[in-house]
Every structure is written in structure tokens, then in C-alpha cells.
Protein backbone atom coordinates (compact mmCIF):
# COMPACT_ATOMS: atom_id res chain seq x y z
CA MET A 1 113.25 93.45 91.24
CA ASN A 2 111.44 90.26 92.23
CA GLN A 3 112.92 88.48 95.25
CA ILE A 4 111.78 85.34 97.07
CA PHE A 5 112.40 84.79 100.77
CA THR A 6 111.90 81.65 102.82
CA VAL A 7 110.29 82.81 106.05
CA VAL A 8 109.92 80.44 108.98
CA GLY A 9 107.19 80.99 111.54
CA MET A 10 104.32 82.40 109.48
CA THR A 11 101.32 80.39 110.65
CA CYS A 12 98.27 82.61 110.28
CA GLY A 13 96.71 85.63 108.64
CA HIS A 14 98.07 87.86 111.40
CA CYS A 15 101.58 86.72 110.50
CA GLU A 16 100.96 87.62 106.86
CA LYS A 17 99.73 91.07 107.87
CA ALA A 18 102.78 91.64 110.08
CA VAL A 19 105.18 90.70 107.28
CA THR A 20 103.25 92.78 104.76
CA LYS A 21 103.22 95.80 107.07
CA ALA A 22 106.97 95.50 107.71
CA VAL A 23 107.84 95.35 104.01
CA LEU A 24 105.47 98.17 103.08
CA ALA A 25 106.94 100.35 105.84
CA LEU A 26 110.29 99.98 104.08
CA ASP A 27 108.91 100.31 100.56
CA GLY A 28 105.35 101.55 100.21
CA GLN A 29 105.31 100.56 96.52
CA ALA A 30 106.36 96.93 97.08
CA LYS A 31 104.13 94.13 95.84
CA LEU A 32 103.95 90.96 97.93
CA VAL A 33 102.75 87.41 97.40
CA ILE A 34 102.80 85.30 100.55
CA ASP A 35 102.40 81.53 100.55
CA ARG A 36 102.28 80.21 104.12
CA THR A 37 102.11 76.59 102.96
CA GLN A 38 105.47 76.98 101.21
CA ASN A 39 106.90 79.45 103.78
CA THR A 40 107.65 81.93 101.01
CA VAL A 41 107.34 85.66 100.61
CA GLN A 42 107.76 87.00 97.11
CA VAL A 43 108.55 90.71 97.07
CA ASP A 44 108.71 92.97 94.04
CA SER A 45 110.78 95.91 95.27
CA GLU A 46 113.87 97.91 94.37
CA LYS A 47 115.05 97.88 98.00
CA PRO A 48 118.14 95.78 98.82
CA ARG A 49 117.50 92.14 99.71
CA GLU A 50 119.25 92.55 103.05
CA ALA A 51 116.99 95.45 104.05
CA LEU A 52 113.83 93.53 103.15
CA ALA A 53 115.03 90.44 105.03
CA GLN A 54 115.84 92.58 108.07
CA ALA A 55 112.39 94.18 108.03
CA ILE A 56 110.81 90.72 108.07
CA ALA A 57 113.20 89.50 110.78
CA ASP A 58 112.41 92.55 112.92
CA GLU A 59 108.82 91.27 113.07
CA GLY A 60 110.09 88.09 114.72
CA TYR A 61 110.31 85.73 111.74
CA ARG A 62 113.40 83.81 110.68
CA VAL A 63 114.45 84.47 107.10
CA SER A 64 116.61 81.75 105.60
CA ASP A 65 118.56 81.89 102.35
């Protein structure tokens, strides 16, 4: 299932790596496309949206609806 999150606070490559690592820790098969200029993270995963959002938030980023 493809889901798009608006993630506030991603400003650099390190931020992208942190978000990627958090999502992959939850679902090692997930596919991600991150666009810092648009503040979006597109995740292709079967995990629940809430769990993915929480994994990103646990890295210190605000996920808005």
C-alpha cells in the first residue's frame, strides 16, 4: 500500500537516512521516496499508517496529516 506523509523538519541527507532507517526497522521490505523540498515521504508498505507515522515521529520529526 502506497502512503504519503508530510514530515516537518527534514533538512538534510542525515534526516533522510534517519527516516529511512526508522521505516525499514519497522518494515524491512518497505520502499521509500523522500522529497525534502516538498516535505514528503512516500512509503510503499503493508504496515499500518499509524505505525509508520510513529516510527518517523520517534526519530524526532513531526508528521502531519
